[in-house]
Each structure stands twice: as structure tokens, then as C-alpha cells.
N, C-alpha and C. Protein backbone atom coordinates (compact mmCIF):
# COMPACT_ATOMS: atom_id res chain seq x y z
N MET A 1 94.18 32.60 -55.75
CA MET A 1 92.88 32.10 -55.85
C MET A 1 91.99 33.01 -56.62
N THR A 2 91.33 32.60 -57.53
CA THR A 2 90.28 33.52 -58.23
C THR A 2 88.84 33.67 -57.29
N LEU A 3 88.38 34.99 -57.37
CA LEU A 3 87.40 35.14 -56.48
C LEU A 3 86.25 34.37 -56.84
N GLY A 4 85.70 33.73 -55.89
CA GLY A 4 84.49 32.84 -55.95
C GLY A 4 84.83 31.38 -56.14
N ILE A 5 86.15 31.14 -56.33
CA ILE A 5 86.36 29.63 -56.59
C ILE A 5 87.12 29.33 -55.45
N GLU A 6 86.75 28.13 -54.74
CA GLU A 6 87.37 27.61 -53.57
C GLU A 6 88.21 26.38 -54.04
N PRO A 7 89.35 26.17 -53.29
CA PRO A 7 90.34 24.90 -53.66
C PRO A 7 89.33 23.65 -53.47
N ASN A 8 89.78 22.64 -54.06
CA ASN A 8 89.45 21.32 -54.04
C ASN A 8 90.29 20.71 -52.95
N ILE A 9 89.50 20.24 -51.78
CA ILE A 9 90.15 19.66 -50.75
C ILE A 9 89.46 18.45 -50.29
N THR A 10 90.33 17.40 -50.03
CA THR A 10 89.80 16.06 -49.90
C THR A 10 90.40 15.67 -48.40
N VAL A 11 89.56 15.42 -47.62
CA VAL A 11 89.97 14.75 -46.37
C VAL A 11 89.50 13.34 -46.01
N ASN A 12 90.36 12.46 -45.94
CA ASN A 12 90.34 11.07 -45.70
C ASN A 12 89.27 10.50 -46.66
N GLY A 13 89.74 10.90 -48.11
CA GLY A 13 88.86 10.30 -49.18
C GLY A 13 87.65 11.07 -49.51
N VAL A 14 87.23 12.06 -48.60
CA VAL A 14 86.19 12.88 -48.81
C VAL A 14 86.24 14.25 -49.38
N THR A 15 85.59 14.45 -50.41
CA THR A 15 85.89 15.86 -51.07
C THR A 15 84.99 16.87 -50.34
N LEU A 16 85.55 17.83 -49.81
CA LEU A 16 84.78 18.88 -48.98
C LEU A 16 83.88 19.59 -49.98
N THR A 17 82.76 20.08 -49.57
CA THR A 17 81.92 21.11 -50.41
C THR A 17 82.63 22.39 -50.51
N THR A 18 82.08 23.29 -51.36
CA THR A 18 82.40 24.62 -51.34
C THR A 18 82.61 25.37 -49.97
N ALA A 19 81.58 25.17 -49.43
CA ALA A 19 81.42 25.99 -48.10
C ALA A 19 82.43 25.33 -47.04
N GLN A 20 82.61 24.19 -46.98
CA GLN A 20 83.51 23.51 -46.16
C GLN A 20 84.93 23.77 -46.52
N ALA A 21 85.31 23.87 -47.88
CA ALA A 21 86.53 24.38 -48.18
C ALA A 21 86.81 25.81 -48.02
N MET A 22 85.76 26.58 -48.08
CA MET A 22 85.95 28.08 -47.66
C MET A 22 86.19 28.14 -46.08
N THR A 23 85.46 27.26 -45.31
CA THR A 23 85.75 27.28 -43.94
C THR A 23 87.19 26.97 -43.60
N VAL A 24 87.78 26.02 -44.21
CA VAL A 24 89.05 25.47 -43.99
C VAL A 24 90.24 26.68 -44.54
N ARG A 25 89.78 27.35 -45.54
CA ARG A 25 90.78 28.45 -46.03
C ARG A 25 90.74 29.54 -45.14
N VAL A 26 89.57 30.05 -44.70
CA VAL A 26 89.40 31.24 -43.86
C VAL A 26 89.96 30.90 -42.27
N ALA A 27 89.75 29.60 -41.90
CA ALA A 27 90.24 29.20 -40.69
C ALA A 27 91.86 29.28 -40.61
N LEU A 28 92.32 28.71 -41.71
CA LEU A 28 93.68 28.64 -41.77
C LEU A 28 94.50 30.23 -41.78
N GLY A 29 93.68 31.06 -42.68
CA GLY A 29 94.00 32.55 -42.72
C GLY A 29 94.08 33.13 -41.38
N ALA A 30 92.99 32.90 -40.73
CA ALA A 30 92.74 33.49 -39.26
C ALA A 30 93.90 32.95 -38.25
N TYR A 31 94.21 31.60 -38.40
CA TYR A 31 95.29 30.99 -37.54
C TYR A 31 96.65 31.72 -37.92
N MET A 32 96.82 32.04 -39.30
CA MET A 32 98.24 32.43 -39.54
C MET A 32 98.29 33.95 -39.04
N MET A 33 97.06 34.64 -38.88
CA MET A 33 97.16 36.03 -38.48
C MET A 33 97.37 35.88 -37.01
N GLU A 34 96.96 34.90 -36.19
CA GLU A 34 97.15 34.81 -34.95
C GLU A 34 98.60 34.44 -34.46
N LEU A 35 99.20 33.94 -35.57
CA LEU A 35 100.77 33.60 -35.39
C LEU A 35 101.48 34.66 -35.73
N ALA A 36 101.11 35.75 -36.25
CA ALA A 36 101.94 36.87 -36.69
C ALA A 36 102.95 37.45 -35.64
N PRO A 37 102.42 37.68 -34.25
CA PRO A 37 103.24 38.24 -33.34
C PRO A 37 104.47 36.92 -33.04
N ALA A 38 105.66 37.54 -32.83
CA ALA A 38 106.84 36.58 -32.77
C ALA A 38 106.72 35.83 -31.51
N ASP A 39 105.98 36.22 -30.47
CA ASP A 39 105.83 35.48 -29.32
C ASP A 39 104.37 34.87 -29.14
N SER A 40 103.76 34.73 -30.39
CA SER A 40 102.34 34.10 -30.11
C SER A 40 102.37 32.72 -29.69
N LEU A 41 103.33 32.01 -29.58
CA LEU A 41 103.36 30.56 -28.98
C LEU A 41 104.36 30.47 -27.83
N GLY A 42 104.79 31.65 -27.42
CA GLY A 42 105.62 31.75 -26.27
C GLY A 42 107.15 32.50 -26.79
N SER A 43 107.73 32.90 -25.75
CA SER A 43 108.95 33.66 -26.05
C SER A 43 110.20 32.78 -26.11
N ASP A 44 109.97 31.55 -25.60
CA ASP A 44 111.10 30.56 -25.48
C ASP A 44 111.57 29.93 -26.83
N SER A 45 112.61 29.25 -26.96
CA SER A 45 113.16 28.74 -28.19
C SER A 45 112.06 27.63 -28.84
N THR A 46 111.28 26.96 -27.83
CA THR A 46 110.46 25.91 -28.38
C THR A 46 109.25 26.63 -28.74
N GLY A 47 108.79 27.61 -28.38
CA GLY A 47 107.47 28.44 -29.01
C GLY A 47 107.77 28.97 -30.35
N ARG A 48 108.95 29.53 -30.33
CA ARG A 48 109.43 30.20 -31.53
C ARG A 48 109.64 29.20 -32.72
N SER A 49 110.29 28.13 -32.29
CA SER A 49 110.47 27.12 -33.28
C SER A 49 109.31 26.58 -33.88
N ILE A 50 108.21 26.25 -32.98
CA ILE A 50 106.87 25.72 -33.32
C ILE A 50 106.17 26.62 -34.25
N ARG A 51 106.25 27.87 -33.79
CA ARG A 51 105.59 29.07 -34.63
C ARG A 51 106.07 29.05 -35.96
N GLU A 52 107.48 29.08 -36.04
CA GLU A 52 108.10 29.08 -37.48
C GLU A 52 107.63 28.01 -38.30
N GLY A 53 107.52 26.70 -37.77
CA GLY A 53 107.19 25.62 -38.59
C GLY A 53 105.76 25.67 -38.94
N TYR A 54 104.84 26.23 -37.97
CA TYR A 54 103.41 26.33 -38.43
C TYR A 54 103.20 27.38 -39.54
N LEU A 55 104.09 28.53 -39.38
CA LEU A 55 104.01 29.57 -40.46
C LEU A 55 104.48 28.99 -41.84
N ARG A 56 105.56 28.24 -41.80
CA ARG A 56 105.90 27.73 -42.98
C ARG A 56 104.98 26.64 -43.65
N SER A 57 104.55 25.77 -42.77
CA SER A 57 103.52 24.88 -43.58
C SER A 57 102.24 25.60 -43.88
N GLY A 58 101.93 26.53 -42.92
CA GLY A 58 100.52 27.25 -43.20
C GLY A 58 100.79 27.93 -44.67
N ASN A 59 101.82 28.73 -44.79
CA ASN A 59 102.08 29.34 -46.09
C ASN A 59 102.15 28.50 -47.30
N GLU A 60 102.72 27.25 -47.17
CA GLU A 60 102.73 26.35 -48.31
C GLU A 60 101.39 25.82 -48.67
N VAL A 61 100.46 25.69 -47.78
CA VAL A 61 98.98 25.33 -47.89
C VAL A 61 98.32 26.40 -48.52
N MET A 62 98.52 27.65 -48.03
CA MET A 62 97.84 28.92 -48.57
C MET A 62 98.23 29.00 -50.12
N ARG A 63 99.46 28.87 -50.29
CA ARG A 63 100.08 28.83 -51.83
C ARG A 63 99.26 27.96 -52.59
N LEU A 64 99.10 26.77 -51.97
CA LEU A 64 98.44 25.49 -52.86
C LEU A 64 97.01 25.89 -53.06
N MET A 65 96.27 26.63 -52.44
CA MET A 65 94.81 26.92 -52.22
C MET A 65 94.64 28.25 -53.15
N ARG A 66 95.67 28.92 -53.75
CA ARG A 66 95.31 29.96 -54.67
C ARG A 66 94.86 29.64 -56.03
């Protein structure tokens, strides 16, 4: 993403403002950082599986917002 240009995000037909889009981008980035530890959602197979899915989907969205 180019510095100063936020992605166009539409939620239920409503296009978010630049500030709202920035909030979504920053919130997703912060959540992805919270998911960094392997046991962030638990050390059992369910927690690890959910974490992997969230990381995969989150990374896809982050790539789209560049």
C-alpha cells in the first residue's frame, strides 16, 4: 500500500471513510500480531487450527489492502 492511501472497503454496501478504513487496517494488523505466538489461541489442536485459519485469511486480506 502506498503511504497515505488507504484501501477502499465496503461493508454491507457502505463504503468506509478513509479514517474508518485505516481503523480496519490497523486493527487487523494488531490482531495478526496477537496471533504470532503459536499458542495464542490455545496449545491444543483446535486452537492451533483456528489460529492457522485466522492467519491465512488475515494475510490474504492484508495483501488485498496493499
